[in-house]
Each structure stands twice: as C-alpha cells, then as structure tokens.
Amino acid sequence: MREARKRRLTITGFILVISMFFVGFIYSVFFSAREDSYWAHFQQRAKLAKTIESAKRQVDMYDPFTLYLGEFMSVGKIKLVYRGRADKVLNIGVIINDLDPETEYLHRIPLHQAKEGVRLGGVSFQVLSSGSSKLQLQRKKQH
C-alpha cells in the first residue's frame, strides 16, 4: 500500500512539473516583453511601406507644389514631409534617399527665415504659404 501511494505521489509530482513548464511556455509566448518589440517592429515596417507608397507622388522640378500634413512627396533625390507649424516655426522632415532612405531629418525653420527661402537636403526652396495642415513650396532655380 505504501508503494502504491508513493507511486501516485511521484506521478502527480511529475505531472505538476510538466504542467508548470507548459504554463510558463504559454505565458512567455503570449505575455512576454518581447511582444512589444515585435509590435514596434511591425509598426515600423508598416510606416516604411506607407512612406514608400506615398512617396510615389512626385513633382516637376520648378512647379509650385503643396505638402499636406504627414504626406510624403519626392522632389528629385529627396522626400519631404510636412510635420506642421507650432509657435511660428515650420517642421519639415527630409529623407535623403542616397544617404539613408529610412531616416527622417527634422528641420525646424522659423517663419521669418522661411519667407526668405530654405535649403532642405541640398535643394533650395521658396515658401509660398504655410498653414497648420499644408505647406506650399517652390524649388528655386540655380543660377
């Protein structure tokens, strides 16, 4: 009788240990901290895909064009994105494809300076008008 009881305790203990490993594995798969990094990686890839897709909009070299808030536009070898206006400062993101197509360089340009002209990614632009949701630019002709 003691041997049967000992055998049952051994089997029960073995089943409990296996169950704890299984529950730990399930917890680590569904609730681990790495889940956040996978989600962040997914969001970054989605943002990059959106950038590539929306940057297909290109403009002629010297025609005036409008940048809308958050929209990417290709101008020559660079991509521009308007990030809005705050405290009389324009926020314009520039992506230089030849340098790093995934990095956006943020330019904070005071309005008084923007009216005189700005240089973004090695290209000179004249700011025609600016608002909270759109920015109108024209590329300056090089002499």
C-alpha atoms as a PDB file:
ATOM      1  CA  MET A   1       0.000   0.000   0.000  1.00  0.00           C
ATOM      2  CA  ARG A   2       2.835   2.380   0.728  1.00  0.00           C
ATOM      3  CA  GLU A   3       4.414   1.664  -2.621  1.00  0.00           C
ATOM      4  CA  ALA A   4       1.173   2.438  -4.462  1.00  0.00           C
ATOM      5  CA  ARG A   5       0.824   5.727  -2.550  1.00  0.00           C
ATOM      6  CA  LYS A   6       4.459   6.602  -3.266  1.00  0.00           C
ATOM      7  CA  ARG A   7       3.961   5.842  -6.963  1.00  0.00           C
ATOM      8  CA  ARG A   8       0.841   8.079  -7.117  1.00  0.00           C
ATOM      9  CA  LEU A   9       2.713  10.958  -5.454  1.00  0.00           C
ATOM     10  CA  THR A  10       5.611  10.557  -7.894  1.00  0.00           C
ATOM     11  CA  ILE A  11       3.292  10.544 -10.911  1.00  0.00           C
ATOM     12  CA  THR A  12       1.317  13.527  -9.541  1.00  0.00           C
ATOM     13  CA  GLY A  13       4.542  15.488  -8.905  1.00  0.00           C
ATOM     14  CA  PHE A  14       5.825  14.681 -12.381  1.00  0.00           C
ATOM     15  CA  ILE A  15       2.548  15.848 -13.967  1.00  0.00           C
ATOM     16  CA  LEU A  16       2.652  19.083 -11.909  1.00  0.00           C
ATOM     17  CA  VAL A  17       6.225  19.867 -13.009  1.00  0.00           C
ATOM     18  CA  ILE A  18       5.378  19.231 -16.680  1.00  0.00           C
ATOM     19  CA  SER A  19       2.221  21.375 -16.327  1.00  0.00           C
ATOM     20  CA  MET A  20       4.205  24.249 -14.823  1.00  0.00           C
ATOM     21  CA  PHE A  21       6.680  24.168 -17.723  1.00  0.00           C
ATOM     22  CA  PHE A  22       3.791  24.158 -20.216  1.00  0.00           C
ATOM     23  CA  VAL A  23       2.033  27.096 -18.487  1.00  0.00           C
ATOM     24  CA  GLY A  24       5.326  29.029 -18.375  1.00  0.00           C
ATOM     25  CA  PHE A  25       5.876  28.417 -22.077  1.00  0.00           C
ATOM     26  CA  ILE A  26       2.353  29.598 -22.939  1.00  0.00           C
ATOM     27  CA  TYR A  27       2.799  32.695 -20.742  1.00  0.00           C
ATOM     28  CA  SER A  28       6.124  33.590 -22.375  1.00  0.00           C
ATOM     29  CA  VAL A  29       4.654  33.220 -25.860  1.00  0.00           C
ATOM     30  CA  PHE A  30       1.594  35.404 -25.265  1.00  0.00           C
ATOM     31  CA  PHE A  31       2.585  37.825 -22.492  1.00  0.00           C
ATOM     32  CA  SER A  32       6.333  38.356 -22.691  1.00  0.00           C
ATOM     33  CA  ALA A  33       8.011  41.764 -23.037  1.00  0.00           C
ATOM     34  CA  ARG A  34       9.227  40.809 -26.497  1.00  0.00           C
ATOM     35  CA  GLU A  35       5.660  41.138 -27.730  1.00  0.00           C
ATOM     36  CA  ASP A  36       6.069  44.918 -27.558  1.00  0.00           C
ATOM     37  CA  SER A  37       9.226  44.824 -29.646  1.00  0.00           C
ATOM     38  CA  TYR A  38       7.518  42.653 -32.262  1.00  0.00           C
ATOM     39  CA  TRP A  39       4.617  45.119 -32.365  1.00  0.00           C
ATOM     40  CA  ALA A  40       7.009  48.080 -32.643  1.00  0.00           C
ATOM     41  CA  HIS A  41       8.864  46.308 -35.461  1.00  0.00           C
ATOM     42  CA  PHE A  42       5.554  45.657 -37.247  1.00  0.00           C
ATOM     43  CA  GLN A  43       4.541  49.316 -36.895  1.00  0.00           C
ATOM     44  CA  GLN A  44       7.916  50.475 -38.207  1.00  0.00           C
ATOM     45  CA  ARG A  45       7.625  48.215 -41.257  1.00  0.00           C
ATOM     46  CA  ALA A  46       4.062  49.435 -41.881  1.00  0.00           C
ATOM     47  CA  LYS A  47       5.222  53.058 -41.643  1.00  0.00           C
ATOM     48  CA  LEU A  48       8.072  52.376 -44.064  1.00  0.00           C
ATOM     49  CA  ALA A  49       5.695  50.717 -46.524  1.00  0.00           C
ATOM     50  CA  LYS A  50       3.379  53.723 -46.278  1.00  0.00           C
ATOM     51  CA  THR A  51       6.334  56.055 -46.816  1.00  0.00           C
ATOM     52  CA  ILE A  52       7.447  54.190 -49.908  1.00  0.00           C
ATOM     53  CA  GLU A  53       3.913  54.002 -51.302  1.00  0.00           C
ATOM     54  CA  SER A  54       3.016  57.639 -50.665  1.00  0.00           C
ATOM     55  CA  ALA A  55       6.382  58.950 -51.852  1.00  0.00           C
ATOM     56  CA  LYS A  56       5.445  57.863 -55.361  1.00  0.00           C
ATOM     57  CA  ARG A  57       3.843  61.280 -55.702  1.00  0.00           C
ATOM     58  CA  GLN A  58       6.465  63.355 -57.460  1.00  0.00           C
ATOM     59  CA  VAL A  59       6.507  66.919 -58.695  1.00  0.00           C
ATOM     60  CA  ASP A  60       8.079  68.671 -61.639  1.00  0.00           C
ATOM     61  CA  MET A  61      11.353  70.368 -60.871  1.00  0.00           C
ATOM     62  CA  TYR A  62      10.289  74.003 -60.581  1.00  0.00           C
ATOM     63  CA  ASP A  63       6.489  73.898 -60.370  1.00  0.00           C
ATOM     64  CA  PRO A  64       4.890  75.034 -57.088  1.00  0.00           C
ATOM     65  CA  PHE A  65       3.595  72.123 -55.021  1.00  0.00           C
ATOM     66  CA  THR A  66       1.676  71.593 -51.803  1.00  0.00           C
ATOM     67  CA  LEU A  67       2.801  69.362 -48.957  1.00  0.00           C
ATOM     68  CA  TYR A  68      -0.050  68.171 -46.766  1.00  0.00           C
ATOM     69  CA  LEU A  69       0.432  67.288 -43.112  1.00  0.00           C
ATOM     70  CA  GLY A  70       2.063  63.848 -42.811  1.00  0.00           C
ATOM     71  CA  GLU A  71       2.175  63.219 -46.577  1.00  0.00           C
ATOM     72  CA  PHE A  72       5.468  62.260 -48.213  1.00  0.00           C
ATOM     73  CA  MET A  73       6.465  63.705 -51.568  1.00  0.00           C
ATOM     74  CA  SER A  74       9.513  63.037 -53.724  1.00  0.00           C
ATOM     75  CA  VAL A  75      11.397  66.054 -55.017  1.00  0.00           C
ATOM     76  CA  GLY A  76      14.412  64.938 -57.007  1.00  0.00           C
ATOM     77  CA  LYS A  77      16.532  62.657 -54.806  1.00  0.00           C
ATOM     78  CA  ILE A  78      14.852  63.655 -51.534  1.00  0.00           C
ATOM     79  CA  LYS A  79      11.469  63.072 -49.922  1.00  0.00           C
ATOM     80  CA  LEU A  80       9.747  65.824 -47.975  1.00  0.00           C
ATOM     81  CA  VAL A  81       7.041  65.542 -45.332  1.00  0.00           C
ATOM     82  CA  TYR A  82       5.300  68.429 -43.610  1.00  0.00           C
ATOM     83  CA  ARG A  83       5.086  67.906 -39.834  1.00  0.00           C
ATOM     84  CA  GLY A  84       3.089  71.042 -39.053  1.00  0.00           C
ATOM     85  CA  ARG A  85       3.591  74.503 -37.656  1.00  0.00           C
ATOM     86  CA  ALA A  86       3.969  75.414 -33.992  1.00  0.00           C
ATOM     87  CA  ASP A  87       4.983  78.700 -32.351  1.00  0.00           C
ATOM     88  CA  LYS A  88       5.786  80.352 -35.700  1.00  0.00           C
ATOM     89  CA  VAL A  89       8.142  77.501 -36.605  1.00  0.00           C
ATOM     90  CA  LEU A  90       7.707  75.157 -39.592  1.00  0.00           C
ATOM     91  CA  ASN A  91       8.547  71.497 -39.010  1.00  0.00           C
ATOM     92  CA  ILE A  92       9.635  69.751 -42.207  1.00  0.00           C
ATOM     93  CA  GLY A  93      11.023  66.227 -42.397  1.00  0.00           C
ATOM     94  CA  VAL A  94      13.591  65.393 -45.078  1.00  0.00           C
ATOM     95  CA  ILE A  95      14.575  61.898 -46.176  1.00  0.00           C
ATOM     96  CA  ILE A  96      17.743  61.738 -48.270  1.00  0.00           C
ATOM     97  CA  ASN A  97      17.494  58.548 -50.303  1.00  0.00           C
ATOM     98  CA  ASP A  98      21.202  58.411 -51.164  1.00  0.00           C
ATOM     99  CA  LEU A  99      22.221  58.771 -47.518  1.00  0.00           C
ATOM    100  CA  ASP A 100      19.661  56.679 -45.599  1.00  0.00           C
ATOM    101  CA  PRO A 101      16.181  56.043 -47.039  1.00  0.00           C
ATOM    102  CA  GLU A 102      14.729  55.152 -43.617  1.00  0.00           C
ATOM    103  CA  THR A 103      15.912  58.180 -41.612  1.00  0.00           C
ATOM    104  CA  GLU A 104      13.945  61.395 -41.470  1.00  0.00           C
ATOM    105  CA  TYR A 105      15.835  64.573 -40.627  1.00  0.00           C
ATOM    106  CA  LEU A 106      13.583  67.151 -38.986  1.00  0.00           C
ATOM    107  CA  HIS A 107      14.152  70.797 -39.911  1.00  0.00           C
ATOM    108  CA  ARG A 108      12.659  73.442 -37.596  1.00  0.00           C
ATOM    109  CA  ILE A 109      12.519  76.672 -39.571  1.00  0.00           C
ATOM    110  CA  PRO A 110      11.281  79.994 -38.137  1.00  0.00           C
ATOM    111  CA  LEU A 111       8.599  81.610 -40.322  1.00  0.00           C
ATOM    112  CA  HIS A 112      10.576  84.832 -40.880  1.00  0.00           C
ATOM    113  CA  GLN A 113      13.507  82.781 -42.197  1.00  0.00           C
ATOM    114  CA  ALA A 114      11.246  80.536 -44.282  1.00  0.00           C
ATOM    115  CA  LYS A 115       9.869  83.510 -46.228  1.00  0.00           C
ATOM    116  CA  GLU A 116      13.420  84.276 -47.418  1.00  0.00           C
ATOM    117  CA  GLY A 117      13.942  80.688 -48.592  1.00  0.00           C
ATOM    118  CA  VAL A 118      15.135  77.410 -47.104  1.00  0.00           C
ATOM    119  CA  ARG A 119      17.604  74.709 -48.033  1.00  0.00           C
ATOM    120  CA  LEU A 120      16.386  71.157 -47.471  1.00  0.00           C
ATOM    121  CA  GLY A 121      18.518  68.165 -48.376  1.00  0.00           C
ATOM    122  CA  GLY A 122      20.798  70.299 -50.527  1.00  0.00           C
ATOM    123  CA  VAL A 123      17.880  71.788 -52.502  1.00  0.00           C
ATOM    124  CA  SER A 124      16.744  75.418 -52.165  1.00  0.00           C
ATOM    125  CA  PHE A 125      13.035  76.149 -51.807  1.00  0.00           C
ATOM    126  CA  GLN A 126      10.876  79.245 -51.536  1.00  0.00           C
ATOM    127  CA  VAL A 127       7.968  79.002 -49.074  1.00  0.00           C
ATOM    128  CA  LEU A 128       4.894  80.400 -50.831  1.00  0.00           C
ATOM    129  CA  SER A 129       2.410  79.832 -47.999  1.00  0.00           C
ATOM    130  CA  SER A 130       2.100  77.828 -44.820  1.00  0.00           C
ATOM    131  CA  GLY A 131      -0.719  76.705 -42.597  1.00  0.00           C
ATOM    132  CA  SER A 132      -1.334  74.185 -39.857  1.00  0.00           C
ATOM    133  CA  SER A 133      -2.172  71.387 -42.314  1.00  0.00           C
ATOM    134  CA  LYS A 134      -0.395  72.313 -45.560  1.00  0.00           C
ATOM    135  CA  LEU A 135       2.722  73.980 -46.875  1.00  0.00           C
ATOM    136  CA  GLN A 136       3.205  75.350 -50.381  1.00  0.00           C
ATOM    137  CA  LEU A 137       6.754  75.344 -51.753  1.00  0.00           C
ATOM    138  CA  GLN A 138       8.546  76.085 -54.988  1.00  0.00           C
ATOM    139  CA  ARG A 139      12.041  74.989 -55.872  1.00  0.00           C
ATOM    140  CA  LYS A 140      14.407  77.866 -56.568  1.00  0.00           C
ATOM    141  CA  LYS A 141      16.232  77.903 -59.873  1.00  0.00           C
ATOM    142  CA  GLN A 142      20.004  77.577 -59.571  1.00  0.00           C
ATOM    143  CA  HIS A 143      21.984  80.292 -61.373  1.00  0.00           C
END
